């Protein structure tokens, strides 16, 4: 989807159309979830602190997130996807892989199907999306960013090598900013440069990821589209309006966060054995502390003492904290919890 959250806000509020908006928290200390294309012209990007975004674009309009709405629209879009294939692998609310090798309906052409799906998405939601079409996940994903917004890029097998060799290294999906800088320091600026690097060299500098880089620049990616993905963790976090350094106040803030983690765990009917505390300091340095329990937990009463114990162990040293988070991992599904002791809240009768 194209600037998904921002596009929904502009769709639902005509006064925002054509204006630079950032979706996320509305305070200067928040972080943007996304930005409209009008804002991106000023260098505003997702995951950017609101304060920095406002410096780049002083007339930026900050809009509070409405994730309940985004989830409903995402469900509408996935329903369209599933009319064409059962092999849908969501990456997030606004993005997914589709394997249309054997479509349930429509023409036997990935390109024509992509256009048909994009048309249906727009007719249903009044939102635009962009598509990448190719023979594997890596190239399709990389291609999907080429003609945004509201575009499509098709890379046929015999076009793949030329497409990849012309690509700037930072445009390769899976190569982030830091890795791109390390590659440029080695003289690797494009796909053509990456293709010249042998496997031992890439492994020496990038470890296990070296083989991935070696393969993708040659158009090799055998990962299948996986239609269901197992959830790895359940968590919640809060960024504060003002930094806090008082241990008692941190405990009070964590109380609400733990309640939210417990609520989400109960909703998904999951429990976890590993409890993790996340702390981000005012200088953006981040630490985590974890504890693995003998039995899975999900209730507020079980989680809170563990989180407070981890807080006591954290190296705070009067440092100011801007964010606290809590999460459950090492999750157990409902069918795995049979016979295990776990507190289940029942409503009052």
C-alpha atoms as a PDB file:
ATOM      1  CA  UNK A   1       0.000   0.000   0.000  1.00  0.00           C
ATOM      2  CA  UNK A   2       1.122   3.572  -0.701  1.00  0.00           C
ATOM      3  CA  UNK A   3       1.733   5.571   2.526  1.00  0.00           C
ATOM      4  CA  UNK A   4      -1.010   3.376   4.015  1.00  0.00           C
ATOM      5  CA  UNK A   5      -1.819   5.059   7.344  1.00  0.00           C
ATOM      6  CA  UNK A   6      -1.405   8.576   5.933  1.00  0.00           C
ATOM      7  CA  UNK A   7      -3.531   7.748   2.879  1.00  0.00           C
ATOM      8  CA  UNK A   8      -6.337   6.462   5.111  1.00  0.00           C
ATOM      9  CA  UNK A   9      -6.244   9.675   7.160  1.00  0.00           C
ATOM     10  CA  UNK A  10      -6.382  11.795   3.988  1.00  0.00           C
ATOM     11  CA  UNK A  11      -9.202   9.643   2.611  1.00  0.00           C
ATOM     12  CA  UNK A  12     -11.261  10.010   5.780  1.00  0.00           C
ATOM     13  CA  UNK A  13     -10.521  13.710   6.324  1.00  0.00           C
ATOM     14  CA  UNK A  14     -10.710  15.781   3.118  1.00  0.00           C
ATOM     15  CA  UNK A  15      -9.069  18.732   4.915  1.00  0.00           C
ATOM     16  CA  UNK A  16      -5.801  16.733   5.009  1.00  0.00           C
ATOM     17  CA  UNK A  17      -5.684  15.916   1.299  1.00  0.00           C
ATOM     18  CA  UNK A  18      -2.741  17.354  -0.572  1.00  0.00           C
ATOM     19  CA  UNK A  19      -1.047  18.400   2.683  1.00  0.00           C
ATOM     20  CA  UNK A  20       2.085  17.067   4.412  1.00  0.00           C
ATOM     21  CA  UNK A  21       0.967  14.876   7.292  1.00  0.00           C
ATOM     22  CA  UNK A  22       2.756  12.546   9.693  1.00  0.00           C
ATOM     23  CA  UNK A  23       0.906   9.740  11.437  1.00  0.00           C
ATOM     24  CA  UNK A  24       1.904   8.625  14.927  1.00  0.00           C
ATOM     25  CA  UNK A  25       2.056  10.430  18.234  1.00  0.00           C
ATOM     26  CA  UNK A  26       0.991  14.076  18.190  1.00  0.00           C
ATOM     27  CA  UNK A  27       3.671  15.296  20.627  1.00  0.00           C
ATOM     28  CA  UNK A  28       7.169  16.379  19.600  1.00  0.00           C
ATOM     29  CA  UNK A  29       8.589  13.376  21.470  1.00  0.00           C
ATOM     30  CA  UNK A  30       6.646  10.825  19.454  1.00  0.00           C
ATOM     31  CA  UNK A  31       7.855   8.867  16.433  1.00  0.00           C
ATOM     32  CA  UNK A  32       6.188   8.797  13.021  1.00  0.00           C
ATOM     33  CA  UNK A  33       4.571   5.567  11.859  1.00  0.00           C
ATOM     34  CA  UNK A  34       4.435   6.953   8.324  1.00  0.00           C
ATOM     35  CA  UNK A  35       4.309  10.182   6.340  1.00  0.00           C
ATOM     36  CA  UNK A  36       2.272  11.293   3.343  1.00  0.00           C
ATOM     37  CA  UNK A  37       4.002  11.748   0.000  1.00  0.00           C
ATOM     38  CA  UNK A  38       3.623  15.505   0.394  1.00  0.00           C
ATOM     39  CA  UNK A  39       5.695  15.271   3.601  1.00  0.00           C
ATOM     40  CA  UNK A  40       8.268  12.946   2.060  1.00  0.00           C
ATOM     41  CA  UNK A  41       9.254  15.703  -0.372  1.00  0.00           C
ATOM     42  CA  UNK A  42      10.771  17.485   2.641  1.00  0.00           C
ATOM     43  CA  UNK A  43      12.753  14.416   3.744  1.00  0.00           C
ATOM     44  CA  UNK A  44      10.203  13.271   6.348  1.00  0.00           C
ATOM     45  CA  UNK A  45      10.186   9.483   6.753  1.00  0.00           C
ATOM     46  CA  UNK A  46       8.631   6.768   8.887  1.00  0.00           C
ATOM     47  CA  UNK A  47      10.375   6.008  12.218  1.00  0.00           C
ATOM     48  CA  UNK A  48      11.597   9.619  12.334  1.00  0.00           C
ATOM     49  CA  UNK A  49      11.184  11.491  15.669  1.00  0.00           C
ATOM     50  CA  UNK A  50       8.400  14.066  15.408  1.00  0.00           C
ATOM     51  CA  UNK A  51      10.725  16.854  16.511  1.00  0.00           C
ATOM     52  CA  UNK A  52      13.122  16.201  13.619  1.00  0.00           C
ATOM     53  CA  UNK A  53      10.213  15.827  11.166  1.00  0.00           C
ATOM     54  CA  UNK A  54       8.873  19.255  12.210  1.00  0.00           C
ATOM     55  CA  UNK A  55      12.312  20.805  11.672  1.00  0.00           C
ATOM     56  CA  UNK A  56      12.412  19.407   8.141  1.00  0.00           C
ATOM     57  CA  UNK A  57       8.802  20.397   7.454  1.00  0.00           C
ATOM     58  CA  UNK A  58       7.560  23.119   9.871  1.00  0.00           C
ATOM     59  CA  UNK A  59       4.021  23.004   8.426  1.00  0.00           C
ATOM     60  CA  UNK A  60       3.778  19.213   8.925  1.00  0.00           C
ATOM     61  CA  UNK A  61       0.404  18.173  10.373  1.00  0.00           C
ATOM     62  CA  UNK A  62       0.702  15.494  13.072  1.00  0.00           C
ATOM     63  CA  UNK A  63      -2.202  13.042  13.135  1.00  0.00           C
ATOM     64  CA  UNK A  64      -2.836  10.491  15.877  1.00  0.00           C
ATOM     65  CA  UNK A  65      -2.746   6.842  14.767  1.00  0.00           C
ATOM     66  CA  UNK A  66      -6.022   4.891  14.503  1.00  0.00           C
ATOM     67  CA  UNK A  67      -4.842   1.295  14.353  1.00  0.00           C
ATOM     68  CA  UNK A  68      -8.346  -0.116  14.728  1.00  0.00           C
ATOM     69  CA  UNK A  69      -9.215   1.569  11.404  1.00  0.00           C
ATOM     70  CA  UNK A  70      -5.966   0.485   9.722  1.00  0.00           C
ATOM     71  CA  UNK A  71      -6.587  -3.126  10.779  1.00  0.00           C
ATOM     72  CA  UNK A  72     -10.130  -3.080   9.349  1.00  0.00           C
ATOM     73  CA  UNK A  73      -8.901  -1.728   6.010  1.00  0.00           C
ATOM     74  CA  UNK A  74      -6.049  -4.260   5.979  1.00  0.00           C
ATOM     75  CA  UNK A  75      -8.588  -7.059   6.470  1.00  0.00           C
ATOM     76  CA  UNK A  76     -10.583  -5.751   3.486  1.00  0.00           C
ATOM     77  CA  UNK A  77      -7.462  -5.832   1.321  1.00  0.00           C
ATOM     78  CA  UNK A  78      -6.451  -9.345   2.400  1.00  0.00           C
ATOM     79  CA  UNK A  79      -9.942 -10.557   1.605  1.00  0.00           C
ATOM     80  CA  UNK A  80      -9.347  -9.382  -1.970  1.00  0.00           C
ATOM     81  CA  UNK A  81      -5.981 -11.163  -2.078  1.00  0.00           C
ATOM     82  CA  UNK A  82      -7.565 -14.434  -0.968  1.00  0.00           C
ATOM     83  CA  UNK A  83     -10.041 -14.320  -3.847  1.00  0.00           C
ATOM     84  CA  UNK A  84      -7.075 -14.948  -6.135  1.00  0.00           C
ATOM     85  CA  UNK A  85      -4.780 -17.203  -4.084  1.00  0.00           C
ATOM     86  CA  UNK A  86      -4.584 -18.913  -0.713  1.00  0.00           C
ATOM     87  CA  UNK A  87      -0.798 -18.367  -0.712  1.00  0.00           C
ATOM     88  CA  UNK A  88      -0.742 -14.930   0.945  1.00  0.00           C
ATOM     89  CA  UNK A  89       2.098 -14.052   3.317  1.00  0.00           C
ATOM     90  CA  UNK A  90       1.453 -10.762   5.157  1.00  0.00           C
ATOM     91  CA  UNK A  91       4.556  -8.799   6.131  1.00  0.00           C
ATOM     92  CA  UNK A  92       2.617  -6.084   7.960  1.00  0.00           C
ATOM     93  CA  UNK A  93      -0.810  -4.433   7.783  1.00  0.00           C
ATOM     94  CA  UNK A  94       0.048  -2.818   4.450  1.00  0.00           C
ATOM     95  CA  UNK A  95       2.202  -5.354   2.619  1.00  0.00           C
ATOM     96  CA  UNK A  96       2.116  -8.997   1.561  1.00  0.00           C
ATOM     97  CA  UNK A  97       3.611 -11.568  -0.785  1.00  0.00           C
ATOM     98  CA  UNK A  98       1.214 -13.425  -3.098  1.00  0.00           C
ATOM     99  CA  UNK A  99       2.081 -16.609  -4.987  1.00  0.00           C
ATOM    100  CA  UNK A 100      -0.206 -16.652  -8.050  1.00  0.00           C
ATOM    101  CA  UNK A 101       1.421 -19.583  -9.841  1.00  0.00           C
ATOM    102  CA  UNK A 102      -1.990 -21.283  -9.781  1.00  0.00           C
ATOM    103  CA  UNK A 103      -4.598 -18.521  -9.304  1.00  0.00           C
ATOM    104  CA  UNK A 104      -8.082 -19.353  -8.052  1.00  0.00           C
ATOM    105  CA  UNK A 105      -9.552 -16.977 -10.654  1.00  0.00           C
ATOM    106  CA  UNK A 106      -8.509 -14.500 -13.300  1.00  0.00           C
ATOM    107  CA  UNK A 107      -6.007 -14.742 -16.164  1.00  0.00           C
ATOM    108  CA  UNK A 108      -2.928 -17.029 -15.867  1.00  0.00           C
ATOM    109  CA  UNK A 109      -0.656 -13.961 -15.829  1.00  0.00           C
ATOM    110  CA  UNK A 110       0.923 -12.500 -12.694  1.00  0.00           C
ATOM    111  CA  UNK A 111       1.093  -9.066 -14.327  1.00  0.00           C
ATOM    112  CA  UNK A 112      -2.588  -9.004 -15.299  1.00  0.00           C
ATOM    113  CA  UNK A 113      -3.572 -10.370 -11.888  1.00  0.00           C
ATOM    114  CA  UNK A 114      -1.558  -7.661 -10.143  1.00  0.00           C
ATOM    115  CA  UNK A 115      -3.342  -4.976 -12.157  1.00  0.00           C
ATOM    116  CA  UNK A 116      -6.723  -6.560 -11.462  1.00  0.00           C
ATOM    117  CA  UNK A 117      -6.015  -6.783  -7.720  1.00  0.00           C
ATOM    118  CA  UNK A 118      -4.791  -3.165  -7.614  1.00  0.00           C
ATOM    119  CA  UNK A 119      -8.010  -2.079  -9.342  1.00  0.00           C
ATOM    120  CA  UNK A 120     -10.170  -4.004  -6.857  1.00  0.00           C
ATOM    121  CA  UNK A 121      -8.263  -2.593  -3.890  1.00  0.00           C
ATOM    122  CA  UNK A 122      -8.859   0.947  -5.129  1.00  0.00           C
ATOM    123  CA  UNK A 123     -12.546   0.361  -5.867  1.00  0.00           C
ATOM    124  CA  UNK A 124     -13.067  -1.141  -2.397  1.00  0.00           C
ATOM    125  CA  UNK A 125     -10.944   1.211  -0.273  1.00  0.00           C
ATOM    126  CA  UNK A 126     -10.266   4.308  -2.451  1.00  0.00           C
ATOM    127  CA  UNK A 127      -6.586   3.683  -1.692  1.00  0.00           C
ATOM    128  CA  UNK A 128      -3.746   3.010  -4.127  1.00  0.00           C
ATOM    129  CA  UNK A 129      -1.132   0.293  -3.960  1.00  0.00           C
ATOM    130  CA  UNK A 130       2.019  -0.585  -5.878  1.00  0.00           C
ATOM    131  CA  UNK A 131       3.149  -4.022  -7.008  1.00  0.00           C
ATOM    132  CA  UNK A 132       6.349  -5.795  -7.934  1.00  0.00           C
ATOM    133  CA  UNK A 133       5.989  -8.878 -10.137  1.00  0.00           C
ATOM    134  CA  UNK A 134       8.747 -11.423 -10.606  1.00  0.00           C
ATOM    135  CA  UNK A 135       9.727 -15.068 -10.165  1.00  0.00           C
ATOM    136  CA  UNK A 136      10.933 -14.832  -6.554  1.00  0.00           C
ATOM    137  CA  UNK A 137      10.223 -12.912  -3.368  1.00  0.00           C
ATOM    138  CA  UNK A 138      13.380 -10.801  -3.281  1.00  0.00           C
ATOM    139  CA  UNK A 139      13.032  -9.366  -6.787  1.00  0.00           C
ATOM    140  CA  UNK A 140       9.267  -8.855  -6.447  1.00  0.00           C
ATOM    141  CA  UNK A 141       9.727  -6.982  -3.167  1.00  0.00           C
ATOM    142  CA  UNK A 142      12.560  -4.834  -4.538  1.00  0.00           C
ATOM    143  CA  UNK A 143      10.551  -4.089  -7.689  1.00  0.00           C
ATOM    144  CA  UNK A 144       7.487  -3.027  -5.684  1.00  0.00           C
ATOM    145  CA  UNK A 145       9.310   0.128  -4.520  1.00  0.00           C
ATOM    146  CA  UNK A 146      10.224   1.296  -8.022  1.00  0.00           C
ATOM    147  CA  UNK A 147       7.047   2.966  -9.291  1.00  0.00           C
ATOM    148  CA  UNK A 148       5.458   4.282  -6.112  1.00  0.00           C
ATOM    149  CA  UNK A 149       2.849   5.536  -5.683  1.00  0.00           C
ATOM    150  CA  UNK A 150       0.211   3.643  -7.667  1.00  0.00           C
ATOM    151  CA  UNK A 151       2.596   1.795  -9.970  1.00  0.00           C
ATOM    152  CA  UNK A 152       3.724  -1.644 -11.053  1.00  0.00           C
ATOM    153  CA  UNK A 153       7.163  -2.994 -11.986  1.00  0.00           C
ATOM    154  CA  UNK A 154       7.583  -6.337 -13.734  1.00  0.00           C
ATOM    155  CA  UNK A 155      10.940  -8.130 -13.831  1.00  0.00           C
ATOM    156  CA  UNK A 156      10.984 -11.181 -16.109  1.00  0.00           C
ATOM    157  CA  UNK A 157      13.593 -13.932 -15.579  1.00  0.00           C
ATOM    158  CA  UNK A 158      15.707 -12.813 -18.536  1.00  0.00           C
ATOM    159  CA  UNK A 159      15.638  -9.209 -17.243  1.00  0.00           C
ATOM    160  CA  UNK A 160      16.664 -10.000 -13.675  1.00  0.00           C
ATOM    161  CA  UNK A 161      20.452  -9.788 -14.034  1.00  0.00           C
ATOM    162  CA  UNK A 162      20.374  -6.401 -15.751  1.00  0.00           C
ATOM    163  CA  UNK A 163      17.801  -5.118 -13.243  1.00  0.00           C
ATOM    164  CA  UNK A 164      19.924  -6.203 -10.258  1.00  0.00           C
ATOM    165  CA  UNK A 165      23.282  -5.035 -11.603  1.00  0.00           C
ATOM    166  CA  UNK A 166      21.980  -1.489 -12.243  1.00  0.00           C
ATOM    167  CA  UNK A 167      20.495  -1.279  -8.743  1.00  0.00           C
ATOM    168  CA  UNK A 168      22.226   1.002  -6.191  1.00  0.00           C
ATOM    169  CA  UNK A 169      23.285  -1.122  -3.242  1.00  0.00           C
ATOM    170  CA  UNK A 170      20.996   0.759  -0.832  1.00  0.00           C
ATOM    171  CA  UNK A 171      17.974  -0.238  -2.957  1.00  0.00           C
ATOM    172  CA  UNK A 172      18.487  -3.955  -2.295  1.00  0.00           C
ATOM    173  CA  UNK A 173      15.766  -5.179   0.053  1.00  0.00           C
ATOM    174  CA  UNK A 174      17.513  -6.578   3.137  1.00  0.00           C
ATOM    175  CA  UNK A 175      20.512  -4.238   2.905  1.00  0.00           C
ATOM    176  CA  UNK A 176      19.986  -1.486   5.462  1.00  0.00           C
ATOM    177  CA  UNK A 177      21.740   1.830   5.896  1.00  0.00           C
ATOM    178  CA  UNK A 178      24.595   0.515   8.055  1.00  0.00           C
ATOM    179  CA  UNK A 179      25.268  -2.513   5.815  1.00  0.00           C
ATOM    180  CA  UNK A 180      25.149  -0.296   2.718  1.00  0.00           C
ATOM    181  CA  UNK A 181      27.795   1.974   4.261  1.00  0.00           C
ATOM    182  CA  UNK A 182      30.012  -1.036   5.031  1.00  0.00           C
ATOM    183  CA  UNK A 183      29.627  -2.241   1.444  1.00  0.00           C
ATOM    184  CA  UNK A 184      30.491   1.150   0.006  1.00  0.00           C
ATOM    185  CA  UNK A 185      33.631   1.161   2.166  1.00  0.00           C
ATOM    186  CA  UNK A 186      34.572  -2.067   0.364  1.00  0.00           C
ATOM    187  CA  UNK A 187      33.964  -0.456  -3.040  1.00  0.00           C
ATOM    188  CA  UNK A 188      30.537  -2.056  -3.511  1.00  0.00           C
ATOM    189  CA  UNK A 189      28.197   0.686  -4.757  1.00  0.00           C
ATOM    190  CA  UNK A 190      25.857  -1.227  -7.081  1.00  0.00           C
ATOM    191  CA  UNK A 191      24.556  -4.664  -7.898  1.00  0.00           C
ATOM    192  CA  UNK A 192      27.275  -4.984 -10.522  1.00  0.00           C
ATOM    193  CA  UNK A 193      29.920  -4.388  -7.833  1.00  0.00           C
ATOM    194  CA  UNK A 194      28.246  -6.882  -5.493  1.00  0.00           C
ATOM    195  CA  UNK A 195      28.191  -9.511  -8.250  1.00  0.00           C
ATOM    196  CA  UNK A 196      31.989  -9.228  -8.552  1.00  0.00           C
ATOM    197  CA  UNK A 197      32.520 -10.056  -4.854  1.00  0.00           C
ATOM    198  CA  UNK A 198      33.200 -13.742  -4.220  1.00  0.00           C
ATOM    199  CA  UNK A 199      31.456 -15.765  -1.515  1.00  0.00           C
ATOM    200  CA  UNK A 200      34.459 -16.052   0.891  1.00  0.00           C
ATOM    201  CA  UNK A 201      34.900 -12.259   0.858  1.00  0.00           C
ATOM    202  CA  UNK A 202      31.234 -11.607   1.574  1.00  0.00           C
ATOM    203  CA  UNK A 203      31.212 -14.190   4.371  1.00  0.00           C
ATOM    204  CA  UNK A 204      34.353 -12.666   5.877  1.00  0.00           C
ATOM    205  CA  UNK A 205      32.782  -9.201   6.099  1.00  0.00           C
ATOM    206  CA  UNK A 206      29.094 -10.028   6.631  1.00  0.00           C
ATOM    207  CA  UNK A 207      29.010 -13.484   8.240  1.00  0.00           C
ATOM    208  CA  UNK A 208      25.998 -15.668   7.436  1.00  0.00           C
ATOM    209  CA  UNK A 209      24.354 -12.784   5.568  1.00  0.00           C
ATOM    210  CA  UNK A 210      27.203 -12.970   3.042  1.00  0.00           C
ATOM    211  CA  UNK A 211      25.648 -16.005   1.345  1.00  0.00           C
ATOM    212  CA  UNK A 212      22.282 -14.241   1.149  1.00  0.00           C
ATOM    213  CA  UNK A 213      23.902 -11.227  -0.553  1.00  0.00           C
ATOM    214  CA  UNK A 214      25.845 -13.531  -2.897  1.00  0.00           C
ATOM    215  CA  UNK A 215      22.636 -15.262  -3.977  1.00  0.00           C
ATOM    216  CA  UNK A 216      20.249 -12.339  -4.318  1.00  0.00           C
ATOM    217  CA  UNK A 217      22.477 -10.370  -6.684  1.00  0.00           C
ATOM    218  CA  UNK A 218      22.373 -13.476  -8.908  1.00  0.00           C
ATOM    219  CA  UNK A 219      18.585 -13.593  -8.730  1.00  0.00           C
ATOM    220  CA  UNK A 220      18.588 -16.664  -6.465  1.00  0.00           C
ATOM    221  CA  UNK A 221      15.905 -16.734  -3.753  1.00  0.00           C
ATOM    222  CA  UNK A 222      14.131 -20.042  -3.128  1.00  0.00           C
ATOM    223  CA  UNK A 223      12.035 -18.928  -0.144  1.00  0.00           C
ATOM    224  CA  UNK A 224       8.400 -20.005  -0.572  1.00  0.00           C
ATOM    225  CA  UNK A 225       5.409 -17.809   0.165  1.00  0.00           C
ATOM    226  CA  UNK A 226       4.250 -18.971   3.605  1.00  0.00           C
ATOM    227  CA  UNK A 227       0.538 -18.431   4.151  1.00  0.00           C
ATOM    228  CA  UNK A 228       0.669 -18.487   7.963  1.00  0.00           C
ATOM    229  CA  UNK A 229       3.348 -17.116  10.247  1.00  0.00           C
ATOM    230  CA  UNK A 230       3.679 -18.146  13.879  1.00  0.00           C
ATOM    231  CA  UNK A 231       3.671 -15.253  16.322  1.00  0.00           C
ATOM    232  CA  UNK A 232       6.986 -14.970  18.191  1.00  0.00           C
ATOM    233  CA  UNK A 233       6.151 -12.463  20.930  1.00  0.00           C
ATOM    234  CA  UNK A 234       3.464 -10.272  22.481  1.00  0.00           C
ATOM    235  CA  UNK A 235       4.416  -6.864  23.808  1.00  0.00           C
ATOM    236  CA  UNK A 236       3.588  -3.228  24.480  1.00  0.00           C
ATOM    237  CA  UNK A 237       5.673  -0.115  25.011  1.00  0.00           C
ATOM    238  CA  UNK A 238       5.259   3.600  25.728  1.00  0.00           C
ATOM    239  CA  UNK A 239       7.313   6.665  24.816  1.00  0.00           C
ATOM    240  CA  UNK A 240       6.888   9.353  27.472  1.00  0.00           C
ATOM    241  CA  UNK A 241       6.134  13.042  26.976  1.00  0.00           C
ATOM    242  CA  UNK A 242       9.001  13.848  29.350  1.00  0.00           C
ATOM    243  CA  UNK A 243      11.987  11.725  30.387  1.00  0.00           C
ATOM    244  CA  UNK A 244      11.671  10.020  33.762  1.00  0.00           C
ATOM    245  CA  UNK A 245      14.375   8.989  36.234  1.00  0.00           C
ATOM    246  CA  UNK A 246      12.392   8.081  39.348  1.00  0.00           C
ATOM    247  CA  UNK A 247      12.216   4.328  39.930  1.00  0.00           C
ATOM    248  CA  UNK A 248       8.771   4.559  41.513  1.00  0.00           C
ATOM    249  CA  UNK A 249       7.362   6.401  38.518  1.00  0.00           C
ATOM    250  CA  UNK A 250       8.862   3.822  36.165  1.00  0.00           C
ATOM    251  CA  UNK A 251       7.117   1.096  38.144  1.00  0.00           C
ATOM    252  CA  UNK A 252       3.810   2.951  37.881  1.00  0.00           C
ATOM    253  CA  UNK A 253       4.194   3.380  34.113  1.00  0.00           C
ATOM    254  CA  UNK A 254       5.080  -0.293  33.720  1.00  0.00           C
ATOM    255  CA  UNK A 255       1.887  -1.232  35.569  1.00  0.00           C
ATOM    256  CA  UNK A 256      -0.260   0.008  32.653  1.00  0.00           C
ATOM    257  CA  UNK A 257       2.097  -1.494  30.068  1.00  0.00           C
ATOM    258  CA  UNK A 258       1.948  -4.924  31.712  1.00  0.00           C
ATOM    259  CA  UNK A 259      -1.853  -4.743  31.812  1.00  0.00           C
ATOM    260  CA  UNK A 260      -1.834  -4.205  28.044  1.00  0.00           C
ATOM    261  CA  UNK A 261       0.549  -7.129  27.454  1.00  0.00           C
ATOM    262  CA  UNK A 262      -1.708  -9.365  29.557  1.00  0.00           C
ATOM    263  CA  UNK A 263      -4.798  -8.200  27.663  1.00  0.00           C
ATOM    264  CA  UNK A 264      -3.159  -8.978  24.301  1.00  0.00           C
ATOM    265  CA  UNK A 265      -1.962 -12.386  25.510  1.00  0.00           C
ATOM    266  CA  UNK A 266      -5.439 -13.307  26.730  1.00  0.00           C
ATOM    267  CA  UNK A 267      -6.992 -12.126  23.456  1.00  0.00           C
ATOM    268  CA  UNK A 268      -4.648 -14.370  21.457  1.00  0.00           C
ATOM    269  CA  UNK A 269      -5.115 -17.205  23.989  1.00  0.00           C
ATOM    270  CA  UNK A 270      -1.328 -17.477  24.317  1.00  0.00           C
ATOM    271  CA  UNK A 271       1.082 -17.549  27.237  1.00  0.00           C
ATOM    272  CA  UNK A 272       4.846 -17.211  27.376  1.00  0.00           C
ATOM    273  CA  UNK A 273       7.737 -18.455  29.474  1.00  0.00           C
ATOM    274  CA  UNK A 274      10.153 -15.572  28.762  1.00  0.00           C
ATOM    275  CA  UNK A 275       9.397 -12.083  30.116  1.00  0.00           C
ATOM    276  CA  UNK A 276      11.424  -9.150  28.768  1.00  0.00           C
ATOM    277  CA  UNK A 277      11.795  -5.558  29.947  1.00  0.00           C
ATOM    278  CA  UNK A 278      12.855  -2.944  27.387  1.00  0.00           C
ATOM    279  CA  UNK A 279      14.362   0.410  28.367  1.00  0.00           C
ATOM    280  CA  UNK A 280      15.348   3.243  26.033  1.00  0.00           C
ATOM    281  CA  UNK A 281      17.311   6.090  27.621  1.00  0.00           C
ATOM    282  CA  UNK A 282      17.225   9.786  26.718  1.00  0.00           C
ATOM    283  CA  UNK A 283      20.345   9.329  24.567  1.00  0.00           C
ATOM    284  CA  UNK A 284      18.461   6.591  22.601  1.00  0.00           C
ATOM    285  CA  UNK A 285      20.691   3.815  23.973  1.00  0.00           C
ATOM    286  CA  UNK A 286      18.460   0.772  24.439  1.00  0.00           C
ATOM    287  CA  UNK A 287      18.809  -2.224  26.761  1.00  0.00           C
ATOM    288  CA  UNK A 288      16.708  -5.305  27.515  1.00  0.00           C
ATOM    289  CA  UNK A 289      16.547  -7.630  30.486  1.00  0.00           C
ATOM    290  CA  UNK A 290      14.825 -11.026  30.316  1.00  0.00           C
ATOM    291  CA  UNK A 291      13.843 -13.877  32.606  1.00  0.00           C
ATOM    292  CA  UNK A 292      12.647 -17.343  31.557  1.00  0.00           C
ATOM    293  CA  UNK A 293      10.128 -18.942  33.909  1.00  0.00           C
ATOM    294  CA  UNK A 294       9.480 -22.665  34.515  1.00  0.00           C
ATOM    295  CA  UNK A 295       5.816 -22.325  33.418  1.00  0.00           C
ATOM    296  CA  UNK A 296       4.089 -20.081  30.858  1.00  0.00           C
ATOM    297  CA  UNK A 297       2.277 -16.986  32.150  1.00  0.00           C
ATOM    298  CA  UNK A 298      -0.005 -14.319  30.757  1.00  0.00           C
ATOM    299  CA  UNK A 299      -1.907 -12.773  33.683  1.00  0.00           C
ATOM    300  CA  UNK A 300      -1.153  -9.300  34.971  1.00  0.00           C
ATOM    301  CA  UNK A 301      -0.647 -10.734  38.462  1.00  0.00           C
ATOM    302  CA  UNK A 302       2.061 -13.109  37.219  1.00  0.00           C
ATOM    303  CA  UNK A 303       3.772 -10.684  34.850  1.00  0.00           C
ATOM    304  CA  UNK A 304       4.083  -7.582  37.015  1.00  0.00           C
ATOM    305  CA  UNK A 305       6.394  -9.014  39.728  1.00  0.00           C
ATOM    306  CA  UNK A 306       8.782 -10.351  37.076  1.00  0.00           C
ATOM    307  CA  UNK A 307       8.909  -7.025  35.227  1.00  0.00           C
ATOM    308  CA  UNK A 308       9.525  -5.132  38.479  1.00  0.00           C
ATOM    309  CA  UNK A 309      12.286  -7.581  39.397  1.00  0.00           C
ATOM    310  CA  UNK A 310      13.935  -6.945  36.019  1.00  0.00           C
ATOM    311  CA  UNK A 311      13.588  -3.193  36.550  1.00  0.00           C
ATOM    312  CA  UNK A 312      15.422  -3.483  39.865  1.00  0.00           C
ATOM    313  CA  UNK A 313      18.260  -5.322  38.094  1.00  0.00           C
ATOM    314  CA  UNK A 314      18.604  -2.792  35.275  1.00  0.00           C
ATOM    315  CA  UNK A 315      21.677  -0.480  35.321  1.00  0.00           C
ATOM    316  CA  UNK A 316      19.751   2.792  35.640  1.00  0.00           C
ATOM    317  CA  UNK A 317      22.267   4.894  37.645  1.00  0.00           C
ATOM    318  CA  UNK A 318      19.914   7.927  37.666  1.00  0.00           C
ATOM    319  CA  UNK A 319      19.804   7.912  33.860  1.00  0.00           C
ATOM    320  CA  UNK A 320      16.735   9.459  32.255  1.00  0.00           C
ATOM    321  CA  UNK A 321      14.376   7.086  30.477  1.00  0.00           C
ATOM    322  CA  UNK A 322      12.250   7.997  27.450  1.00  0.00           C
ATOM    323  CA  UNK A 323      10.625   4.610  26.730  1.00  0.00           C
ATOM    324  CA  UNK A 324       9.630   1.490  28.638  1.00  0.00           C
ATOM    325  CA  UNK A 325       8.290  -1.742  27.212  1.00  0.00           C
ATOM    326  CA  UNK A 326       7.382  -5.257  28.277  1.00  0.00           C
ATOM    327  CA  UNK A 327       6.925  -8.423  26.242  1.00  0.00           C
ATOM    328  CA  UNK A 328       6.231 -12.145  26.411  1.00  0.00           C
ATOM    329  CA  UNK A 329       8.078 -14.615  24.182  1.00  0.00           C
ATOM    330  CA  UNK A 330       8.760 -18.341  24.050  1.00  0.00           C
ATOM    331  CA  UNK A 331       5.027 -18.513  23.453  1.00  0.00           C
ATOM    332  CA  UNK A 332       2.803 -21.529  23.939  1.00  0.00           C
ATOM    333  CA  UNK A 333      -0.361 -22.062  21.902  1.00  0.00           C
ATOM    334  CA  UNK A 334      -3.686 -22.973  23.535  1.00  0.00           C
ATOM    335  CA  UNK A 335      -3.309 -26.645  22.590  1.00  0.00           C
ATOM    336  CA  UNK A 336       0.145 -26.690  24.231  1.00  0.00           C
ATOM    337  CA  UNK A 337      -1.189 -25.313  27.500  1.00  0.00           C
ATOM    338  CA  UNK A 338      -3.361 -28.311  28.360  1.00  0.00           C
ATOM    339  CA  UNK A 339      -2.531 -29.578  31.816  1.00  0.00           C
ATOM    340  CA  UNK A 340      -0.267 -26.616  32.633  1.00  0.00           C
ATOM    341  CA  UNK A 341      -0.994 -24.303  35.529  1.00  0.00           C
ATOM    342  CA  UNK A 342      -2.023 -20.929  34.140  1.00  0.00           C
ATOM    343  CA  UNK A 343      -4.287 -18.304  35.651  1.00  0.00           C
ATOM    344  CA  UNK A 344      -7.376 -17.694  33.533  1.00  0.00           C
ATOM    345  CA  UNK A 345      -9.610 -14.748  34.520  1.00  0.00           C
ATOM    346  CA  UNK A 346     -13.327 -15.510  34.620  1.00  0.00           C
ATOM    347  CA  UNK A 347     -15.988 -12.775  34.589  1.00  0.00           C
ATOM    348  CA  UNK A 348     -18.074 -12.189  37.701  1.00  0.00           C
ATOM    349  CA  UNK A 349     -21.445 -13.946  37.465  1.00  0.00           C
END
